[in-house]
Amino acid sequence: MSIEIFTLLRFVVFASAAYVVWMVHEVQKEKWVWIFGFLAVLFNPFIVIHLDRELWIFIDAIVGAFMIISIFALNLGQKPSAHKVL
């Protein structure tokens, strides 16, 4: 793949992680703020962190799985159910 694709992917992961940082900060889940803040720094497209290709493949797989699992673990998009008062 071309470098433009990788740069775009880094920007998408960076923007997604930064957005999740803001969301988890709003609901006061500080541990998640640090985790996604680290991911935003790791994948930022502005100051590239240079690692071996094999290490990046491993990191990409782990982070991808983690981000998918975190969608279900955080439940940020769901509104709390309202209890009816009788």
Protein backbone atom coordinates (compact mmCIF):
# COMPACT_ATOMS: atom_id res chain seq x y z
CA MET A 1 0.00 0.00 0.00
CA SER A 2 1.05 3.58 -0.51
CA ILE A 3 2.22 5.94 2.21
CA GLU A 4 -0.89 8.08 1.69
CA ILE A 5 -3.13 5.19 2.76
CA PHE A 6 -1.09 4.61 5.92
CA THR A 7 -1.09 8.33 6.73
CA LEU A 8 -4.86 8.48 6.28
CA LEU A 9 -5.28 5.41 8.48
CA ARG A 10 -3.05 6.93 11.17
CA PHE A 11 -5.13 10.12 11.08
CA VAL A 12 -8.41 8.17 11.36
CA VAL A 13 -7.14 6.16 14.35
CA PHE A 14 -5.70 9.33 15.92
CA ALA A 15 -8.96 11.26 15.48
CA SER A 16 -11.05 8.34 16.75
CA ALA A 17 -8.89 7.88 19.83
CA ALA A 18 -8.90 11.62 20.56
CA TYR A 19 -12.70 11.70 20.27
CA VAL A 20 -13.02 8.75 22.65
CA VAL A 21 -10.70 10.57 25.09
CA TRP A 22 -13.14 13.46 25.13
CA MET A 23 -16.15 11.14 25.51
CA VAL A 24 -14.69 9.11 28.39
CA HIS A 25 -13.51 12.28 30.10
CA GLU A 26 -17.11 13.54 30.05
CA VAL A 27 -18.33 10.41 31.87
CA GLN A 28 -15.32 10.46 34.23
CA LYS A 29 -13.70 7.19 33.20
CA GLU A 30 -10.15 8.35 33.84
CA LYS A 31 -8.44 5.00 33.19
CA TRP A 32 -9.88 5.01 29.67
CA VAL A 33 -8.73 8.61 29.16
CA TRP A 34 -5.12 7.51 29.69
CA ILE A 35 -5.46 4.41 27.48
CA PHE A 36 -7.00 6.22 24.52
CA GLY A 37 -4.74 9.23 25.06
CA PHE A 38 -1.76 6.91 24.68
CA LEU A 39 -3.26 5.46 21.50
CA ALA A 40 -3.83 8.95 20.10
CA VAL A 41 -0.17 9.81 20.72
CA LEU A 42 1.03 6.48 19.30
CA PHE A 43 -0.94 6.86 16.06
CA ASN A 44 -0.66 10.62 15.58
CA PRO A 45 0.16 11.51 11.97
CA PHE A 46 2.12 14.65 12.88
CA ILE A 47 5.05 13.26 14.87
CA VAL A 48 5.51 9.73 13.58
CA ILE A 49 6.88 7.06 15.90
CA HIS A 50 9.20 4.84 13.89
CA LEU A 51 9.08 1.14 14.79
CA ASP A 52 9.86 -2.05 12.87
CA ARG A 53 7.24 -3.23 10.40
CA GLU A 54 6.69 -6.51 12.29
CA LEU A 55 6.11 -4.62 15.54
CA TRP A 56 3.63 -2.27 13.86
CA ILE A 57 1.69 -5.24 12.47
CA PHE A 58 1.43 -6.67 15.98
CA ILE A 59 0.46 -3.30 17.49
CA ASP A 60 -2.14 -2.70 14.76
CA ALA A 61 -3.78 -6.07 15.41
CA ILE A 62 -3.87 -5.60 19.19
CA VAL A 63 -5.13 -2.01 18.99
CA GLY A 64 -7.75 -2.91 16.38
CA ALA A 65 -9.12 -5.71 18.56
CA PHE A 66 -8.97 -3.47 21.63
CA MET A 67 -10.89 -0.67 19.93
CA ILE A 68 -13.62 -3.05 18.76
CA ILE A 69 -13.95 -4.59 22.22
CA SER A 70 -13.98 -1.14 23.84
CA ILE A 71 -17.10 -0.22 21.83
CA PHE A 72 -19.01 -2.83 23.81
CA ALA A 73 -17.15 -2.31 27.10
CA LEU A 74 -17.70 1.44 27.31
CA ASN A 75 -21.32 1.72 26.12
CA LEU A 76 -20.78 5.41 25.35
CA GLY A 77 -23.45 5.66 22.68
CA GLN A 78 -26.24 4.27 24.83
CA LYS A 79 -28.44 6.50 26.92
CA PRO A 80 -29.33 5.27 30.38
CA SER A 81 -32.76 3.71 30.53
CA ALA A 82 -35.33 5.90 32.22
CA HIS A 83 -37.38 4.30 34.97
CA LYS A 84 -41.01 5.25 35.01
CA VAL A 85 -42.28 6.59 38.28
CA LEU A 86 -45.80 5.44 39.09
